[in-house]
Amino acid sequence: KLITYQLTPGSAIEISDMESTYIKADYARYPTLRTSKAGSSALFGQILYPLSKKDEKPVIEDLSTEKLLGAKISTGQKTDIFLKSHSEKSSEKAGIEFNGDLAWISLQDGNLNKAAGQSVNRISYKGSSVLSSTERVTFALLWDSIIEFGIALEKPSEVTLNLGRNISSITKDGKNIPFRMINGSVVVDLLDSGNYLLK
């Protein structure tokens, strides 16, 4: 089973039926959804959410505006929030504040356990910084017993991570990466893209 949800701020939506084949002797009708908007630019998005027979249907809250696509998706004790900016300008919604193209966080029992951003130099949640960088970066961060941090750099960057705990090491491909703890945050100078492990 697949749930779809359209993000179409300021658009007109039309639901109709169309034919599913060009062979007139063997055709069937199927429902279609058409979204349209007049203007020089428009934002459209679609959420595809697969469900098994045992999964409960998620609650989807549309957070979109004319310049921002976004949604809050909740199932049980898990909540995902994503925001897609129309441009690389500062955006704020649902507790997320960021400067970049895309921000995503995942909460389990109300606690932040995953975060990601595309072409960002800053992302925070509920006033607490998650990541800041001297250059724009694309990243994914997973909090676990070992914190996994994948990052794509266009230029060398000084990256500051607020992990909510102290760490004793950062490694990439088995090699130690120097870092410093400043006011409870991890500050590291990164030269290369890749996957980093923080312990």
C-alpha atoms as a PDB file:
ATOM      1  CA  LYS A   1       0.000   0.000   0.000  1.00  0.00           C
ATOM      2  CA  LEU A   2       1.276   3.448  -0.895  1.00  0.00           C
ATOM      3  CA  ILE A   3      -0.020   6.724   0.500  1.00  0.00           C
ATOM      4  CA  THR A   4       0.533   9.851  -1.569  1.00  0.00           C
ATOM      5  CA  TYR A   5       0.160  13.411  -0.387  1.00  0.00           C
ATOM      6  CA  GLN A   6       0.520  16.508  -2.551  1.00  0.00           C
ATOM      7  CA  LEU A   7       2.181  19.725  -1.393  1.00  0.00           C
ATOM      8  CA  THR A   8       0.791  22.443  -3.643  1.00  0.00           C
ATOM      9  CA  PRO A   9       0.742  25.853  -1.940  1.00  0.00           C
ATOM     10  CA  GLY A  10      -1.488  28.375  -3.706  1.00  0.00           C
ATOM     11  CA  SER A  11      -2.393  25.960  -6.509  1.00  0.00           C
ATOM     12  CA  ALA A  12      -5.629  24.728  -8.045  1.00  0.00           C
ATOM     13  CA  ILE A  13      -6.268  20.980  -7.775  1.00  0.00           C
ATOM     14  CA  GLU A  14      -8.553  19.047 -10.120  1.00  0.00           C
ATOM     15  CA  ILE A  15      -9.481  15.377  -9.653  1.00  0.00           C
ATOM     16  CA  SER A  16     -10.832  13.519 -12.693  1.00  0.00           C
ATOM     17  CA  ASP A  17     -10.793  10.188 -14.568  1.00  0.00           C
ATOM     18  CA  MET A  18      -8.704   9.262 -17.593  1.00  0.00           C
ATOM     19  CA  GLU A  19      -8.146   6.210 -19.733  1.00  0.00           C
ATOM     20  CA  SER A  20      -5.254   3.913 -18.858  1.00  0.00           C
ATOM     21  CA  THR A  21      -4.506   2.690 -22.402  1.00  0.00           C
ATOM     22  CA  TYR A  22      -4.668   3.833 -25.990  1.00  0.00           C
ATOM     23  CA  ILE A  23      -6.337   0.609 -27.132  1.00  0.00           C
ATOM     24  CA  LYS A  24     -10.029   1.468 -27.296  1.00  0.00           C
ATOM     25  CA  ALA A  25     -11.154  -2.153 -27.133  1.00  0.00           C
ATOM     26  CA  ASP A  26      -9.251  -2.742 -23.910  1.00  0.00           C
ATOM     27  CA  TYR A  27      -9.166   0.237 -21.602  1.00  0.00           C
ATOM     28  CA  ALA A  28      -9.960   1.125 -18.045  1.00  0.00           C
ATOM     29  CA  ARG A  29     -10.518   4.418 -16.303  1.00  0.00           C
ATOM     30  CA  TYR A  30      -8.315   5.538 -13.433  1.00  0.00           C
ATOM     31  CA  PRO A  31      -8.372   8.575 -11.171  1.00  0.00           C
ATOM     32  CA  THR A  32      -5.987  11.438 -11.894  1.00  0.00           C
ATOM     33  CA  LEU A  33      -4.959  14.517 -10.003  1.00  0.00           C
ATOM     34  CA  ARG A  34      -3.879  17.673 -11.798  1.00  0.00           C
ATOM     35  CA  THR A  35      -2.295  20.634 -10.053  1.00  0.00           C
ATOM     36  CA  SER A  36      -1.887  23.989 -11.768  1.00  0.00           C
ATOM     37  CA  LYS A  37      -0.706  27.443 -10.856  1.00  0.00           C
ATOM     38  CA  ALA A  38      -0.256  30.633 -12.856  1.00  0.00           C
ATOM     39  CA  GLY A  39       2.907  32.667 -12.440  1.00  0.00           C
ATOM     40  CA  SER A  40       6.613  32.787 -13.159  1.00  0.00           C
ATOM     41  CA  SER A  41       7.537  30.220 -10.489  1.00  0.00           C
ATOM     42  CA  ALA A  42       5.766  27.593  -8.415  1.00  0.00           C
ATOM     43  CA  LEU A  43       6.528  24.989  -5.776  1.00  0.00           C
ATOM     44  CA  PHE A  44       5.128  21.478  -6.026  1.00  0.00           C
ATOM     45  CA  GLY A  45       5.944  18.412  -3.968  1.00  0.00           C
ATOM     46  CA  GLN A  46       4.662  14.910  -3.406  1.00  0.00           C
ATOM     47  CA  ILE A  47       5.110  12.607  -0.428  1.00  0.00           C
ATOM     48  CA  LEU A  48       5.179   8.879  -1.156  1.00  0.00           C
ATOM     49  CA  TYR A  49       4.747   6.835   2.023  1.00  0.00           C
ATOM     50  CA  PRO A  50       4.808   3.021   1.723  1.00  0.00           C
ATOM     51  CA  LEU A  51       2.851   0.998   4.282  1.00  0.00           C
ATOM     52  CA  SER A  52       2.843  -2.691   5.117  1.00  0.00           C
ATOM     53  CA  LYS A  53      -0.422  -4.360   6.108  1.00  0.00           C
ATOM     54  CA  LYS A  54       0.457  -3.871   9.789  1.00  0.00           C
ATOM     55  CA  ASP A  55       1.556  -0.221   9.560  1.00  0.00           C
ATOM     56  CA  GLU A  56      -0.724   2.498  10.797  1.00  0.00           C
ATOM     57  CA  LYS A  57      -1.540   5.398   8.505  1.00  0.00           C
ATOM     58  CA  PRO A  58       0.621   8.462   9.252  1.00  0.00           C
ATOM     59  CA  VAL A  59      -0.764  11.844  10.200  1.00  0.00           C
ATOM     60  CA  ILE A  60       0.533  14.368   7.660  1.00  0.00           C
ATOM     61  CA  GLU A  61       0.440  18.082   8.403  1.00  0.00           C
ATOM     62  CA  ASP A  62       1.175  20.376   5.462  1.00  0.00           C
ATOM     63  CA  LEU A  63       3.583  23.162   6.487  1.00  0.00           C
ATOM     64  CA  SER A  64       3.983  24.658   3.010  1.00  0.00           C
ATOM     65  CA  THR A  65       3.890  28.344   2.108  1.00  0.00           C
ATOM     66  CA  GLU A  66       4.397  30.183  -1.186  1.00  0.00           C
ATOM     67  CA  LYS A  67       8.199  30.030  -0.733  1.00  0.00           C
ATOM     68  CA  LEU A  68       8.610  26.856   1.294  1.00  0.00           C
ATOM     69  CA  LEU A  69       7.552  23.219   0.933  1.00  0.00           C
ATOM     70  CA  GLY A  70       7.257  21.296   4.158  1.00  0.00           C
ATOM     71  CA  ALA A  71       5.416  18.635   6.089  1.00  0.00           C
ATOM     72  CA  LYS A  72       5.254  17.033   9.515  1.00  0.00           C
ATOM     73  CA  ILE A  73       4.685  13.273   9.339  1.00  0.00           C
ATOM     74  CA  SER A  74       3.771  11.433  12.545  1.00  0.00           C
ATOM     75  CA  THR A  75       3.320   7.723  13.215  1.00  0.00           C
ATOM     76  CA  GLY A  76       3.146   6.469  16.791  1.00  0.00           C
ATOM     77  CA  GLN A  77       6.113   7.873  18.706  1.00  0.00           C
ATOM     78  CA  LYS A  78       8.027   8.890  15.549  1.00  0.00           C
ATOM     79  CA  THR A  79       7.833  12.307  13.900  1.00  0.00           C
ATOM     80  CA  ASP A  80       9.606  13.495  10.750  1.00  0.00           C
ATOM     81  CA  ILE A  81       9.679  17.147   9.700  1.00  0.00           C
ATOM     82  CA  PHE A  82      11.150  18.419   6.447  1.00  0.00           C
ATOM     83  CA  LEU A  83      11.370  21.846   4.872  1.00  0.00           C
ATOM     84  CA  LYS A  84      12.407  22.587   1.281  1.00  0.00           C
ATOM     85  CA  SER A  85      13.270  26.211   0.606  1.00  0.00           C
ATOM     86  CA  HIS A  86      12.599  27.899  -2.720  1.00  0.00           C
ATOM     87  CA  SER A  87      15.996  29.557  -2.454  1.00  0.00           C
ATOM     88  CA  GLU A  88      19.039  29.362  -0.219  1.00  0.00           C
ATOM     89  CA  LYS A  89      17.699  31.927   2.208  1.00  0.00           C
ATOM     90  CA  SER A  90      16.902  31.585   5.885  1.00  0.00           C
ATOM     91  CA  SER A  91      13.676  29.707   6.589  1.00  0.00           C
ATOM     92  CA  GLU A  92      11.850  28.886   9.796  1.00  0.00           C
ATOM     93  CA  LYS A  93       8.859  26.644  10.492  1.00  0.00           C
ATOM     94  CA  ALA A  94       7.757  23.985  13.006  1.00  0.00           C
ATOM     95  CA  GLY A  95      10.739  24.635  15.260  1.00  0.00           C
ATOM     96  CA  ILE A  96      13.310  24.218  12.455  1.00  0.00           C
ATOM     97  CA  GLU A  97      15.412  27.204  11.474  1.00  0.00           C
ATOM     98  CA  PHE A  98      17.959  26.842   8.678  1.00  0.00           C
ATOM     99  CA  ASN A  99      19.860  28.603   5.960  1.00  0.00           C
ATOM    100  CA  GLY A 100      20.008  26.395   2.882  1.00  0.00           C
ATOM    101  CA  ASP A 101      18.007  24.307   0.460  1.00  0.00           C
ATOM    102  CA  LEU A 102      16.573  21.450   2.560  1.00  0.00           C
ATOM    103  CA  ALA A 103      16.341  20.514   6.232  1.00  0.00           C
ATOM    104  CA  TRP A 104      15.007  17.292   7.761  1.00  0.00           C
ATOM    105  CA  ILE A 105      14.813  16.069  11.330  1.00  0.00           C
ATOM    106  CA  SER A 106      13.475  12.871  12.845  1.00  0.00           C
ATOM    107  CA  LEU A 107      12.236  12.581  16.422  1.00  0.00           C
ATOM    108  CA  GLN A 108      11.666   9.400  18.437  1.00  0.00           C
ATOM    109  CA  ASP A 109       9.625   9.866  21.618  1.00  0.00           C
ATOM    110  CA  GLY A 110      10.204  13.604  21.215  1.00  0.00           C
ATOM    111  CA  ASN A 111      13.996  13.268  21.108  1.00  0.00           C
ATOM    112  CA  LEU A 112      16.057  14.275  18.082  1.00  0.00           C
ATOM    113  CA  ASN A 113      17.801  11.184  16.690  1.00  0.00           C
ATOM    114  CA  LYS A 114      18.382  12.012  13.002  1.00  0.00           C
ATOM    115  CA  ALA A 115      19.010  15.178  11.013  1.00  0.00           C
ATOM    116  CA  ALA A 116      19.999  16.052   7.466  1.00  0.00           C
ATOM    117  CA  GLY A 117      20.487  19.118   5.322  1.00  0.00           C
ATOM    118  CA  GLN A 118      21.206  19.977   1.711  1.00  0.00           C
ATOM    119  CA  SER A 119      23.425  22.953   0.862  1.00  0.00           C
ATOM    120  CA  VAL A 120      23.116  24.384   4.383  1.00  0.00           C
ATOM    121  CA  ASN A 121      25.429  26.405   6.567  1.00  0.00           C
ATOM    122  CA  ARG A 122      23.142  26.403   9.606  1.00  0.00           C
ATOM    123  CA  ILE A 123      20.327  24.280  11.025  1.00  0.00           C
ATOM    124  CA  SER A 124      18.744  24.381  14.468  1.00  0.00           C
ATOM    125  CA  TYR A 125      15.722  22.867  16.177  1.00  0.00           C
ATOM    126  CA  LYS A 126      13.715  24.631  18.879  1.00  0.00           C
ATOM    127  CA  GLY A 127      16.418  27.241  19.291  1.00  0.00           C
ATOM    128  CA  SER A 128      19.237  24.719  19.763  1.00  0.00           C
ATOM    129  CA  SER A 129      21.889  24.515  17.051  1.00  0.00           C
ATOM    130  CA  VAL A 130      22.321  21.132  15.359  1.00  0.00           C
ATOM    131  CA  LEU A 131      24.989  22.093  12.817  1.00  0.00           C
ATOM    132  CA  SER A 132      26.738  25.239  11.658  1.00  0.00           C
ATOM    133  CA  SER A 133      29.441  25.476   9.022  1.00  0.00           C
ATOM    134  CA  THR A 134      31.668  28.145   7.514  1.00  0.00           C
ATOM    135  CA  GLU A 135      30.711  26.831   4.041  1.00  0.00           C
ATOM    136  CA  ARG A 136      27.557  25.238   2.679  1.00  0.00           C
ATOM    137  CA  VAL A 137      27.479  21.477   3.206  1.00  0.00           C
ATOM    138  CA  THR A 138      25.166  18.538   2.598  1.00  0.00           C
ATOM    139  CA  PHE A 139      25.015  16.147   5.535  1.00  0.00           C
ATOM    140  CA  ALA A 140      23.223  13.355   7.375  1.00  0.00           C
ATOM    141  CA  LEU A 141      23.571  12.740  11.110  1.00  0.00           C
ATOM    142  CA  LEU A 142      22.447   9.727  13.153  1.00  0.00           C
ATOM    143  CA  TRP A 143      22.573   9.698  16.939  1.00  0.00           C
ATOM    144  CA  ASP A 144      23.288   6.205  18.325  1.00  0.00           C
ATOM    145  CA  SER A 145      25.849   4.652  20.649  1.00  0.00           C
ATOM    146  CA  ILE A 146      28.268   5.661  17.877  1.00  0.00           C
ATOM    147  CA  ILE A 147      27.226   8.845  16.081  1.00  0.00           C
ATOM    148  CA  GLU A 148      27.354   8.546  12.291  1.00  0.00           C
ATOM    149  CA  PHE A 149      28.011  11.725  10.330  1.00  0.00           C
ATOM    150  CA  GLY A 150      28.089  11.737   6.528  1.00  0.00           C
ATOM    151  CA  ILE A 151      29.001  14.986   4.805  1.00  0.00           C
ATOM    152  CA  ALA A 152      29.610  16.289   1.275  1.00  0.00           C
ATOM    153  CA  LEU A 153      31.847  19.348   1.049  1.00  0.00           C
ATOM    154  CA  GLU A 154      32.330  21.764  -1.804  1.00  0.00           C
ATOM    155  CA  LYS A 155      35.102  23.573   0.096  1.00  0.00           C
ATOM    156  CA  PRO A 156      37.001  22.833   3.316  1.00  0.00           C
ATOM    157  CA  SER A 157      34.795  23.846   6.245  1.00  0.00           C
ATOM    158  CA  GLU A 158      34.885  24.367   9.967  1.00  0.00           C
ATOM    159  CA  VAL A 159      31.854  22.453  11.209  1.00  0.00           C
ATOM    160  CA  THR A 160      30.282  22.818  14.641  1.00  0.00           C
ATOM    161  CA  LEU A 161      27.974  20.054  15.900  1.00  0.00           C
ATOM    162  CA  ASN A 162      25.790  20.239  18.980  1.00  0.00           C
ATOM    163  CA  LEU A 163      25.361  16.548  19.824  1.00  0.00           C
ATOM    164  CA  GLY A 164      24.047  16.887  23.359  1.00  0.00           C
ATOM    165  CA  ARG A 165      26.983  14.915  24.733  1.00  0.00           C
ATOM    166  CA  ASN A 166      30.762  14.898  24.807  1.00  0.00           C
ATOM    167  CA  ILE A 167      32.778  12.678  22.490  1.00  0.00           C
ATOM    168  CA  SER A 168      36.306  11.298  22.765  1.00  0.00           C
ATOM    169  CA  SER A 169      37.153  10.585  19.122  1.00  0.00           C
ATOM    170  CA  ILE A 170      36.296  11.214  15.475  1.00  0.00           C
ATOM    171  CA  THR A 171      37.467   8.749  12.837  1.00  0.00           C
ATOM    172  CA  LYS A 172      37.216   8.487   9.055  1.00  0.00           C
ATOM    173  CA  ASP A 173      38.306   5.275   7.347  1.00  0.00           C
ATOM    174  CA  GLY A 174      39.950   4.211  10.619  1.00  0.00           C
ATOM    175  CA  LYS A 175      42.051   7.383  10.892  1.00  0.00           C
ATOM    176  CA  ASN A 176      41.704   9.806  13.804  1.00  0.00           C
ATOM    177  CA  ILE A 177      40.491  13.303  12.954  1.00  0.00           C
ATOM    178  CA  PRO A 178      41.498  16.162  15.276  1.00  0.00           C
ATOM    179  CA  PHE A 179      38.679  18.129  16.893  1.00  0.00           C
ATOM    180  CA  ARG A 180      37.991  20.323  19.879  1.00  0.00           C
ATOM    181  CA  MET A 181      35.155  20.666  22.376  1.00  0.00           C
ATOM    182  CA  ILE A 182      34.010  24.272  22.829  1.00  0.00           C
ATOM    183  CA  ASN A 183      31.149  25.067  25.231  1.00  0.00           C
ATOM    184  CA  GLY A 184      29.778  21.522  24.843  1.00  0.00           C
ATOM    185  CA  SER A 185      29.897  21.574  21.024  1.00  0.00           C
ATOM    186  CA  VAL A 186      32.176  19.600  18.715  1.00  0.00           C
ATOM    187  CA  VAL A 187      34.242  21.806  16.398  1.00  0.00           C
ATOM    188  CA  VAL A 188      36.126  20.090  13.583  1.00  0.00           C
ATOM    189  CA  ASP A 189      37.966  21.305  10.489  1.00  0.00           C
ATOM    190  CA  LEU A 190      36.941  19.059   7.604  1.00  0.00           C
ATOM    191  CA  LEU A 191      38.886  18.866   4.360  1.00  0.00           C
ATOM    192  CA  ASP A 192      37.194  15.867   2.734  1.00  0.00           C
ATOM    193  CA  SER A 193      33.711  14.539   2.103  1.00  0.00           C
ATOM    194  CA  GLY A 194      32.952  11.162   3.615  1.00  0.00           C
ATOM    195  CA  ASN A 195      31.519   9.206   6.518  1.00  0.00           C
ATOM    196  CA  TYR A 196      32.763  10.052  10.006  1.00  0.00           C
ATOM    197  CA  LEU A 197      32.231   8.109  13.227  1.00  0.00           C
ATOM    198  CA  LEU A 198      32.017  10.031  16.496  1.00  0.00           C
ATOM    199  CA  LYS A 199      32.440   8.194  19.812  1.00  0.00           C
END
